[in-house]
Amino acid sequence: MSILKRPIITEKTASLMEQGTPQYGFEVAMGASKADVKKEIERVYEVEVVNVNTMIVNGKRRQRFSKRGVVHGKSPNYKKAIITLKDGHEIDFYKHI
């Protein structure tokens, strides 16, 4: 099982990428530690990681109306890691496309 699930590319993470220090967001496995995330990023993308911040994002509650009444549900929780790279390093998510 891989520690990195997918990169998070949103307007907020795009603004982090454009600021002075390069920062990137990733969805990671719930059991992954900061050291595990750092090793995996450095191995996969061949960059030098300075800092790793992790957080658990609670899933949103959702409801919809159907023929049988109101159906309640919830999207799953996930763990997010914000990676700060050393100056001069960057990750290109689109180079393999």
Protein backbone atom coordinates (compact mmCIF):
# COMPACT_ATOMS: atom_id res chain seq x y z
CA MET A 1 0.00 0.00 0.00
CA SER A 2 1.35 3.39 -0.98
CA ILE A 3 1.56 6.22 1.52
CA LEU A 4 0.74 8.89 -1.09
CA LYS A 5 -2.78 8.62 -2.47
CA ARG A 6 -3.05 11.70 -4.70
CA PRO A 7 -1.94 15.32 -4.95
CA ILE A 8 -4.48 17.91 -3.89
CA ILE A 9 -4.76 20.58 -6.59
CA THR A 10 -7.17 23.32 -5.59
CA GLU A 11 -7.14 27.10 -5.69
CA LYS A 12 -5.82 27.22 -2.15
CA THR A 13 -2.93 24.83 -2.80
CA ALA A 14 -2.18 26.61 -6.09
CA SER A 15 -1.76 29.86 -4.18
CA LEU A 16 0.61 28.06 -1.77
CA MET A 17 2.69 26.89 -4.74
CA GLU A 18 3.02 30.43 -6.09
CA GLN A 19 4.16 32.03 -2.82
CA GLY A 20 7.80 32.46 -1.82
CA THR A 21 8.44 28.96 -0.42
CA PRO A 22 7.17 26.07 -2.55
CA GLN A 23 4.39 24.16 -0.73
CA TYR A 24 2.32 21.27 -2.09
CA GLY A 25 -0.69 19.36 -0.77
CA PHE A 26 -1.13 15.58 -0.82
CA GLU A 27 -3.76 13.16 0.41
CA VAL A 28 -1.91 10.47 2.38
CA ALA A 29 -2.77 7.23 4.17
CA MET A 30 -4.39 7.66 7.59
CA GLY A 31 -1.63 5.68 9.34
CA ALA A 32 1.26 7.58 7.73
CA SER A 33 3.60 9.56 9.96
CA LYS A 34 5.38 12.77 8.97
CA ALA A 35 8.69 10.90 8.58
CA ASP A 36 7.04 8.32 6.29
CA VAL A 37 5.51 11.06 4.13
CA LYS A 38 8.85 12.88 3.88
CA LYS A 39 10.71 9.72 2.79
CA GLU A 40 8.06 8.85 0.21
CA ILE A 41 7.98 12.36 -1.33
CA GLU A 42 11.77 12.46 -1.57
CA ARG A 43 11.84 8.99 -3.15
CA VAL A 44 9.04 9.49 -5.69
CA TYR A 45 9.62 13.10 -6.79
CA GLU A 46 13.41 13.34 -6.13
CA VAL A 47 13.18 16.63 -4.20
CA GLU A 48 14.39 17.76 -0.79
CA VAL A 49 11.63 18.22 1.80
CA VAL A 50 12.14 20.80 4.56
CA ASN A 51 8.87 20.51 6.50
CA VAL A 52 5.75 18.33 6.64
CA ASN A 53 2.47 19.44 8.23
CA THR A 54 -0.34 16.90 8.52
CA MET A 55 -4.01 17.22 9.39
CA ILE A 56 -7.08 15.00 9.40
CA VAL A 57 -9.93 16.49 7.38
CA ASN A 58 -13.40 15.47 8.49
CA GLY A 59 -15.76 14.40 5.71
CA LYS A 60 -18.78 16.52 4.88
CA ARG A 61 -22.27 15.45 5.87
CA ARG A 62 -24.62 15.26 2.91
CA GLN A 63 -28.31 14.67 2.38
CA ARG A 64 -30.48 14.27 -0.67
CA PHE A 65 -34.14 13.83 -1.31
CA SER A 66 -35.37 10.70 -3.06
CA LYS A 67 -38.61 8.78 -3.57
CA ARG A 68 -38.10 6.99 -0.27
CA GLY A 69 -37.48 10.15 1.69
CA VAL A 70 -34.38 11.94 2.87
CA VAL A 71 -31.16 9.95 2.51
CA HIS A 72 -28.34 10.96 4.87
CA GLY A 73 -24.71 10.20 4.25
CA LYS A 74 -21.17 11.37 4.86
CA SER A 75 -18.07 11.55 2.71
CA PRO A 76 -15.05 9.78 4.24
CA ASN A 77 -12.40 11.40 6.44
CA TYR A 78 -8.90 11.69 4.99
CA LYS A 79 -5.44 12.81 6.04
CA LYS A 80 -3.84 15.75 4.26
CA ALA A 81 -0.14 16.65 4.23
CA ILE A 82 1.26 20.06 3.31
CA ILE A 83 4.85 19.66 2.09
CA THR A 84 7.38 22.50 2.14
CA LEU A 85 10.30 22.01 -0.26
CA LYS A 86 13.79 23.48 -0.16
CA ASP A 87 14.23 26.62 -2.30
CA GLY A 88 15.03 25.75 -5.90
CA HIS A 89 13.09 22.45 -5.86
CA GLU A 90 9.67 21.98 -7.40
CA ILE A 91 7.27 19.16 -8.28
CA ASP A 92 5.78 18.90 -11.77
CA PHE A 93 2.54 16.91 -11.53
CA TYR A 94 1.95 17.02 -15.28
CA LYS A 95 5.30 15.74 -16.62
CA HIS A 96 4.04 12.13 -17.02
CA ILE A 97 0.94 13.10 -19.02
